[in-house]
Amino acid sequence: MAWIYLLIASLFEIAWTFSLKLMSVKKLKAIQWRSFFTQISNWAVLAPFAGYVLFGIGNIVFFSMAMKEIPASTALAVWMGRR
C-alpha cells in the first residue's frame, strides 16, 4: 500500500507544480474582496491558489504515509526520480 501512497504523492506533486504555474500573485492581490462573490472572474484567479494549497498538503500527507513503510532514502529517490 505504501507504493500506492508514493504514486499518489507524485501525482499530487505534479498537480501542485502545475497549479503553481497557473497562479498569478499579482492578480490575487488585485481581487476586490468586498465584491468577491459578485464577479465570476475572481473564482478563476482563486482556483489555482486553492489547488496549490490542497495539492501541496496532499503531497505531504501521502508522502509521509508512504515513508511509514518505505525507508526514507528509497521513498525520496523514487519520488524525485519520477521527474
Protein backbone atom coordinates (compact mmCIF):
# COMPACT_ATOMS: atom_id res chain seq x y z
CA MET A 1 0.00 0.00 0.00
CA ALA A 2 2.94 2.34 0.66
CA TRP A 3 3.94 2.25 -3.00
CA ILE A 4 0.45 3.41 -3.96
CA TYR A 5 0.75 6.27 -1.47
CA LEU A 6 4.07 7.19 -3.08
CA LEU A 7 2.46 7.19 -6.53
CA ILE A 8 -0.38 9.38 -5.27
CA ALA A 9 2.14 11.75 -3.66
CA SER A 10 3.93 12.00 -7.01
CA LEU A 11 0.69 12.83 -8.79
CA PHE A 12 -0.10 15.48 -6.19
CA GLU A 13 3.39 16.92 -6.71
CA ILE A 14 2.77 17.18 -10.45
CA ALA A 15 -0.60 18.86 -9.88
CA TRP A 16 0.99 21.18 -7.29
CA THR A 17 3.66 22.27 -9.77
CA PHE A 18 1.04 22.80 -12.49
CA SER A 19 -1.13 24.93 -10.20
CA LEU A 20 1.95 26.96 -9.28
CA LYS A 21 2.47 27.65 -12.98
CA LEU A 22 -1.13 28.86 -13.35
CA MET A 23 -1.15 31.02 -10.22
CA SER A 24 -0.71 34.77 -10.51
CA VAL A 25 0.06 36.54 -7.25
CA LYS A 26 -0.38 39.91 -8.92
CA LYS A 27 -3.98 39.05 -9.89
CA LEU A 28 -4.61 37.53 -6.47
CA LYS A 29 -3.59 40.77 -4.77
CA ALA A 30 -5.86 42.76 -7.11
CA ILE A 31 -9.04 40.93 -6.07
CA GLN A 32 -11.67 43.24 -4.63
CA TRP A 33 -12.73 41.18 -1.62
CA ARG A 34 -15.82 43.26 -0.92
CA SER A 35 -17.34 42.23 -4.25
CA PHE A 36 -15.73 38.80 -4.43
CA PHE A 37 -18.93 36.76 -4.77
CA THR A 38 -20.47 39.01 -7.42
CA GLN A 39 -17.74 38.51 -10.04
CA ILE A 40 -17.08 35.13 -11.63
CA SER A 41 -13.57 36.15 -12.71
CA ASN A 42 -12.45 36.21 -9.07
CA TRP A 43 -13.02 32.47 -8.80
CA ALA A 44 -10.78 31.85 -11.82
CA VAL A 45 -7.99 33.74 -10.07
CA LEU A 46 -8.52 31.96 -6.75
CA ALA A 47 -8.76 28.39 -8.14
CA PRO A 48 -5.03 27.88 -8.87
CA PHE A 49 -4.17 29.19 -5.40
CA ALA A 50 -6.62 26.76 -3.79
CA GLY A 51 -5.15 23.95 -5.90
CA TYR A 52 -1.66 24.99 -4.81
CA VAL A 53 -2.62 24.67 -1.16
CA LEU A 54 -4.65 21.45 -1.46
CA PHE A 55 -2.21 19.63 -3.73
CA GLY A 56 0.72 20.71 -1.55
CA ILE A 57 -0.94 19.38 1.59
CA GLY A 58 -1.98 16.17 -0.19
CA ASN A 59 1.57 15.68 -1.40
CA ILE A 60 2.98 15.97 2.11
CA VAL A 61 0.33 13.72 3.65
CA PHE A 62 0.69 10.88 1.13
CA PHE A 63 4.47 11.10 1.08
CA SER A 64 4.61 10.87 4.87
CA MET A 65 2.21 7.90 4.80
CA ALA A 66 4.48 6.15 2.30
CA MET A 67 7.55 6.78 4.45
CA LYS A 68 5.99 4.89 7.36
CA GLU A 69 6.61 1.63 5.47
CA ILE A 70 9.34 2.53 2.96
CA PRO A 71 12.78 3.76 4.09
CA ALA A 72 13.14 7.50 3.64
CA SER A 73 16.09 7.23 1.24
CA THR A 74 14.22 4.83 -1.05
CA ALA A 75 10.99 6.82 -0.93
CA LEU A 76 12.79 10.07 -1.71
CA ALA A 77 14.74 8.51 -4.58
CA VAL A 78 11.58 7.09 -6.17
CA TRP A 79 9.59 10.28 -5.53
CA MET A 80 12.31 12.50 -7.07
CA GLY A 81 13.06 10.02 -9.86
CA ARG A 82 9.63 10.40 -11.43
CA ARG A 83 10.59 13.86 -12.71
